[in-house]
Structures are given as structure tokens and as C-alpha cells.
């Protein structure tokens, strides 16, 4: 899979912000992306070594809109949590490709 289509965006919540202090970063990824694809994409985008990648698929959820009898569905999505080697840090909000000169 192409590097630019693997990682869609970073997920920033209170829980993921606390995990970033420990070197764990969470990204929204393509549904067809594998752990190896995510590892290669993080290495290409940020130039850091990845120790471990865990993926999970969140199911669809529906909720009732307050004051109306209408349900809204949240789509199913896949996310990956990446652990970096050593004490490296990255800025997950800046998704850009690092080019290497040969």
C-alpha cells in the first residue's frame, strides 16, 4: 500500500495525549492497511523507528439526537497505536513525507 494513503490523520483525545508522553501515538488509518504498512508509513513520514504497532477496528455506533426521534450513525473506522523505539518524540499533527537523498 502507498505510504500517503495508509495514515489518514492523527487521533487527539485526552487519553491519547497522555499516551504520547510514554511514546504511544494513535492514528486513523485505511481499512485495508496492515501493521507493516503503518510501520513503513510512520518511518517514511517522521523518520523514526517503530517498536510496535497495534490495530483495532471500532464498530459503528448510533445515538439518538436530543429532542428529536432521529438516530445518527457513526461509521466504522480502523485505528493504529504506534510505539516508538527509545525516547523519540514526534508531532503527529504534522503529517508530511521526509525525502531521503541517495
N, C-alpha and C. Protein backbone atom coordinates (compact mmCIF):
# COMPACT_ATOMS: atom_id res chain seq x y z
N UNK A 1 0.84 -1.17 0.00
CA UNK A 1 0.00 0.00 0.00
C UNK A 1 0.89 1.24 0.00
N UNK A 2 0.44 2.28 -0.65
CA UNK A 2 1.20 3.52 -0.74
C UNK A 2 1.26 4.19 0.64
N UNK A 3 2.38 4.84 0.91
CA UNK A 3 2.60 5.47 2.20
C UNK A 3 1.61 6.60 2.45
N UNK A 4 1.32 7.38 1.43
CA UNK A 4 0.45 8.54 1.62
C UNK A 4 -1.01 8.16 1.84
N UNK A 5 -1.41 6.94 1.50
CA UNK A 5 -2.80 6.54 1.68
C UNK A 5 -3.01 5.66 2.90
N UNK A 6 -1.95 5.34 3.64
CA UNK A 6 -2.07 4.48 4.81
C UNK A 6 -2.60 5.25 6.00
N UNK A 7 -1.94 6.33 6.38
CA UNK A 7 -2.34 7.13 7.54
C UNK A 7 -3.21 8.28 7.06
N UNK A 8 -4.42 8.36 7.61
CA UNK A 8 -5.36 9.41 7.21
C UNK A 8 -5.16 10.67 8.06
N UNK A 9 -5.16 10.50 9.40
CA UNK A 9 -4.94 11.63 10.29
C UNK A 9 -4.61 11.10 11.68
N UNK A 10 -4.15 11.97 12.55
CA UNK A 10 -3.87 11.55 13.92
C UNK A 10 -5.13 11.71 14.76
N UNK A 11 -5.23 10.91 15.80
CA UNK A 11 -6.36 10.99 16.72
C UNK A 11 -5.86 11.65 18.00
N UNK A 12 -6.46 12.78 18.35
CA UNK A 12 -6.03 13.52 19.53
C UNK A 12 -7.21 13.63 20.50
N UNK A 13 -7.09 12.93 21.62
CA UNK A 13 -8.05 13.00 22.71
C UNK A 13 -7.26 13.12 24.01
N UNK A 14 -7.95 13.21 25.14
CA UNK A 14 -7.25 13.27 26.41
C UNK A 14 -6.44 11.99 26.64
N UNK A 15 -7.03 10.87 26.33
CA UNK A 15 -6.38 9.58 26.55
C UNK A 15 -5.14 9.42 25.66
N UNK A 16 -5.24 9.81 24.39
CA UNK A 16 -4.09 9.66 23.50
C UNK A 16 -3.02 10.70 23.82
N UNK A 17 -3.40 11.87 24.34
CA UNK A 17 -2.41 12.87 24.72
C UNK A 17 -1.56 12.39 25.90
N UNK A 18 -2.17 11.70 26.84
CA UNK A 18 -1.42 11.14 27.97
C UNK A 18 -0.52 10.01 27.49
N UNK A 19 -0.98 9.24 26.51
CA UNK A 19 -0.18 8.14 25.99
C UNK A 19 1.02 8.65 25.18
N UNK A 20 0.91 9.83 24.61
CA UNK A 20 2.03 10.41 23.85
C UNK A 20 3.23 10.69 24.73
N UNK A 21 3.00 10.96 26.01
CA UNK A 21 4.10 11.18 26.94
C UNK A 21 4.93 9.91 27.12
N UNK A 22 4.32 8.75 26.91
CA UNK A 22 5.00 7.47 27.04
C UNK A 22 5.54 6.95 25.71
N UNK A 23 5.28 7.69 24.63
CA UNK A 23 5.79 7.28 23.32
C UNK A 23 4.81 6.50 22.48
N UNK A 24 3.51 6.54 22.83
CA UNK A 24 2.47 5.86 22.07
C UNK A 24 1.67 6.91 21.29
N UNK A 25 1.56 6.73 19.98
CA UNK A 25 0.85 7.68 19.12
C UNK A 25 -0.27 6.95 18.38
N UNK A 26 -1.45 7.57 18.27
CA UNK A 26 -2.62 6.94 17.68
C UNK A 26 -2.99 7.65 16.39
N UNK A 27 -3.23 6.85 15.34
CA UNK A 27 -3.58 7.37 14.02
C UNK A 27 -4.82 6.68 13.48
N UNK A 28 -5.61 7.42 12.72
CA UNK A 28 -6.71 6.84 11.95
C UNK A 28 -6.10 6.36 10.65
N UNK A 29 -6.32 5.08 10.31
CA UNK A 29 -5.66 4.50 9.14
C UNK A 29 -6.69 3.94 8.17
N UNK A 30 -6.23 3.59 6.99
CA UNK A 30 -7.08 2.99 5.98
C UNK A 30 -7.56 1.62 6.45
N UNK A 31 -8.75 1.24 6.04
CA UNK A 31 -9.31 -0.04 6.46
C UNK A 31 -8.54 -1.24 5.92
N UNK A 32 -7.81 -1.04 4.83
CA UNK A 32 -7.06 -2.15 4.23
C UNK A 32 -5.59 -2.15 4.64
N UNK A 33 -5.16 -1.22 5.48
CA UNK A 33 -3.77 -1.11 5.89
C UNK A 33 -3.41 -2.20 6.90
N UNK A 34 -2.19 -2.73 6.78
CA UNK A 34 -1.69 -3.73 7.72
C UNK A 34 -0.72 -3.07 8.68
N UNK A 35 -0.26 -3.84 9.68
CA UNK A 35 0.69 -3.31 10.65
C UNK A 35 2.01 -2.93 9.98
N UNK A 36 2.43 -3.73 9.01
CA UNK A 36 3.67 -3.45 8.30
C UNK A 36 3.54 -2.16 7.49
N UNK A 37 2.37 -1.95 6.87
CA UNK A 37 2.13 -0.71 6.12
C UNK A 37 2.22 0.51 7.03
N UNK A 38 1.63 0.40 8.23
CA UNK A 38 1.64 1.52 9.17
C UNK A 38 3.06 1.79 9.64
N UNK A 39 3.81 0.74 9.92
CA UNK A 39 5.20 0.89 10.37
C UNK A 39 6.04 1.60 9.31
N UNK A 40 5.89 1.19 8.06
CA UNK A 40 6.63 1.82 6.97
C UNK A 40 6.19 3.27 6.74
N UNK A 41 4.91 3.55 6.91
CA UNK A 41 4.40 4.90 6.70
C UNK A 41 4.92 5.86 7.78
N UNK A 42 4.95 5.41 9.03
CA UNK A 42 5.45 6.26 10.11
C UNK A 42 6.94 6.52 9.91
N UNK A 43 7.67 5.49 9.48
CA UNK A 43 9.10 5.67 9.23
C UNK A 43 9.34 6.66 8.09
N UNK A 44 8.53 6.59 7.04
CA UNK A 44 8.68 7.50 5.90
C UNK A 44 8.25 8.92 6.24
N UNK A 45 7.19 9.09 7.03
CA UNK A 45 6.67 10.42 7.32
C UNK A 45 7.47 11.16 8.39
N UNK A 46 7.89 10.45 9.43
CA UNK A 46 8.52 11.11 10.56
C UNK A 46 10.00 10.78 10.72
N UNK A 47 10.47 9.74 10.03
CA UNK A 47 11.88 9.39 10.10
C UNK A 47 12.30 8.78 11.42
N UNK A 48 11.42 8.05 12.09
CA UNK A 48 11.73 7.40 13.36
C UNK A 48 11.50 5.90 13.25
N UNK A 49 12.17 5.14 14.13
CA UNK A 49 12.00 3.69 14.16
C UNK A 49 10.81 3.33 15.03
N UNK A 50 10.03 2.34 14.58
CA UNK A 50 8.84 1.90 15.29
C UNK A 50 9.12 0.58 15.99
N UNK A 51 8.76 0.51 17.26
CA UNK A 51 8.95 -0.72 18.02
C UNK A 51 7.77 -1.66 17.86
N UNK A 52 6.55 -1.14 18.00
CA UNK A 52 5.36 -1.98 18.00
C UNK A 52 4.17 -1.23 17.41
N UNK A 53 3.31 -1.97 16.71
CA UNK A 53 2.08 -1.40 16.15
C UNK A 53 0.91 -2.29 16.56
N UNK A 54 -0.12 -1.70 17.13
CA UNK A 54 -1.35 -2.42 17.43
C UNK A 54 -2.49 -1.76 16.68
N UNK A 55 -3.37 -2.57 16.11
CA UNK A 55 -4.50 -2.03 15.35
C UNK A 55 -5.80 -2.50 15.97
N UNK A 56 -6.85 -1.71 15.77
CA UNK A 56 -8.18 -2.10 16.22
C UNK A 56 -9.22 -1.47 15.30
N UNK A 57 -10.33 -2.16 15.18
CA UNK A 57 -11.44 -1.68 14.36
C UNK A 57 -12.60 -1.34 15.29
N UNK A 58 -13.04 -0.08 15.26
CA UNK A 58 -14.15 0.35 16.09
C UNK A 58 -15.45 0.14 15.33
N UNK A 59 -16.45 -0.47 15.95
CA UNK A 59 -17.71 -0.74 15.25
C UNK A 59 -18.54 0.52 15.08
N UNK A 60 -19.58 0.40 14.25
CA UNK A 60 -20.50 1.53 14.07
C UNK A 60 -21.30 1.72 15.35
N UNK A 61 -21.62 2.95 15.64
CA UNK A 61 -22.43 3.26 16.81
C UNK A 61 -23.52 4.21 16.39
N UNK A 62 -24.67 4.08 17.01
CA UNK A 62 -25.76 5.00 16.72
C UNK A 62 -26.22 5.65 18.02
N UNK A 63 -26.70 6.86 17.89
CA UNK A 63 -27.20 7.57 19.06
C UNK A 63 -28.43 8.36 18.69
N UNK A 64 -29.23 8.66 19.68
CA UNK A 64 -30.46 9.41 19.49
C UNK A 64 -30.17 10.90 19.67
N UNK A 65 -30.60 11.71 18.73
CA UNK A 65 -30.41 13.15 18.82
C UNK A 65 -31.38 13.70 19.87
N UNK A 66 -30.85 14.55 20.73
CA UNK A 66 -31.64 15.10 21.82
C UNK A 66 -32.78 15.96 21.29
N UNK A 67 -33.99 15.70 21.74
CA UNK A 67 -35.14 16.49 21.34
C UNK A 67 -35.80 16.02 20.06
N UNK A 68 -35.17 15.09 19.35
CA UNK A 68 -35.74 14.58 18.11
C UNK A 68 -35.74 13.05 18.18
N UNK A 69 -36.60 12.44 17.43
CA UNK A 69 -36.61 10.98 17.35
C UNK A 69 -35.87 10.56 16.09
N UNK A 70 -34.58 10.81 16.09
CA UNK A 70 -33.76 10.55 14.92
C UNK A 70 -32.43 9.95 15.37
N UNK A 71 -32.02 8.89 14.70
CA UNK A 71 -30.75 8.25 15.02
C UNK A 71 -29.67 8.72 14.05
N UNK A 72 -28.47 8.90 14.58
CA UNK A 72 -27.30 9.26 13.78
C UNK A 72 -26.29 8.14 13.95
N UNK A 73 -25.73 7.66 12.85
CA UNK A 73 -24.75 6.59 12.92
C UNK A 73 -23.34 7.11 12.70
N UNK A 74 -22.41 6.64 13.54
CA UNK A 74 -21.00 6.92 13.35
C UNK A 74 -20.42 5.76 12.55
N UNK A 75 -19.67 6.03 11.52
CA UNK A 75 -19.16 4.94 10.68
C UNK A 75 -18.08 4.12 11.38
N UNK A 76 -17.85 2.93 10.87
CA UNK A 76 -16.80 2.06 11.37
C UNK A 76 -15.46 2.62 10.91
N UNK A 77 -14.44 2.56 11.79
CA UNK A 77 -13.11 3.03 11.41
C UNK A 77 -12.04 2.16 12.03
N UNK A 78 -10.84 2.25 11.48
CA UNK A 78 -9.70 1.47 11.94
C UNK A 78 -8.64 2.43 12.45
N UNK A 79 -8.07 2.11 13.61
CA UNK A 79 -7.03 2.96 14.18
C UNK A 79 -5.83 2.12 14.56
N UNK A 80 -4.68 2.76 14.60
CA UNK A 80 -3.43 2.09 14.94
C UNK A 80 -2.72 2.89 16.03
N UNK A 81 -2.19 2.18 17.02
CA UNK A 81 -1.38 2.78 18.06
C UNK A 81 0.06 2.35 17.82
N UNK A 82 0.94 3.33 17.68
CA UNK A 82 2.33 3.09 17.33
C UNK A 82 3.21 3.42 18.54
N UNK A 83 4.11 2.49 18.88
CA UNK A 83 5.07 2.71 19.95
C UNK A 83 6.44 2.92 19.31
N UNK A 84 7.11 4.01 19.66
CA UNK A 84 8.40 4.34 19.08
C UNK A 84 9.54 3.73 19.90
N UNK A 85 10.64 3.43 19.21
CA UNK A 85 11.82 2.89 19.89
C UNK A 85 12.54 4.01 20.63
N UNK A 86 13.07 3.67 21.79
CA UNK A 86 13.82 4.65 22.57
C UNK A 86 12.91 5.72 23.13
N UNK A 87 13.45 6.91 23.30
CA UNK A 87 12.68 8.04 23.82
C UNK A 87 12.45 9.08 22.75
N UNK A 88 12.18 8.63 21.53
CA UNK A 88 11.92 9.54 20.42
C UNK A 88 10.53 10.14 20.56
N UNK A 89 10.37 11.37 20.07
CA UNK A 89 9.07 12.03 20.05
C UNK A 89 8.82 12.58 18.66
N UNK A 90 7.56 12.68 18.30
CA UNK A 90 7.15 13.24 17.02
C UNK A 90 6.00 14.20 17.25
N UNK A 91 5.69 15.01 16.26
CA UNK A 91 4.50 15.85 16.30
C UNK A 91 3.49 15.22 15.34
N UNK A 92 2.50 14.49 15.86
CA UNK A 92 1.57 13.77 14.99
C UNK A 92 0.64 14.67 14.18
N UNK A 93 0.55 15.94 14.54
CA UNK A 93 -0.32 16.85 13.79
C UNK A 93 0.31 17.31 12.48
N UNK A 94 1.60 17.10 12.33
CA UNK A 94 2.30 17.50 11.10
C UNK A 94 2.62 16.25 10.29
N UNK A 95 1.70 15.83 9.48
CA UNK A 95 1.88 14.65 8.64
C UNK A 95 2.50 15.09 7.32
N UNK A 96 3.76 14.81 7.13
CA UNK A 96 4.41 15.15 5.87
C UNK A 96 5.47 14.07 5.59
N UNK A 97 5.83 13.93 4.34
CA UNK A 97 6.79 12.92 3.93
C UNK A 97 8.20 13.47 4.00
N UNK A 98 9.08 12.68 4.58
CA UNK A 98 10.50 13.03 4.61
C UNK A 98 11.17 12.37 3.42
N UNK A 99 11.87 13.15 2.65
CA UNK A 99 12.56 12.60 1.49
C UNK A 99 14.01 12.31 1.87
N UNK A 100 14.50 11.19 1.43
CA UNK A 100 15.88 10.82 1.71
C UNK A 100 16.67 10.93 0.42
N UNK A 101 17.81 11.58 0.49
CA UNK A 101 18.67 11.73 -0.67
C UNK A 101 19.67 10.60 -0.70
N UNK A 102 19.86 10.03 -1.87
CA UNK A 102 20.80 8.91 -2.01
C UNK A 102 22.05 9.34 -2.70
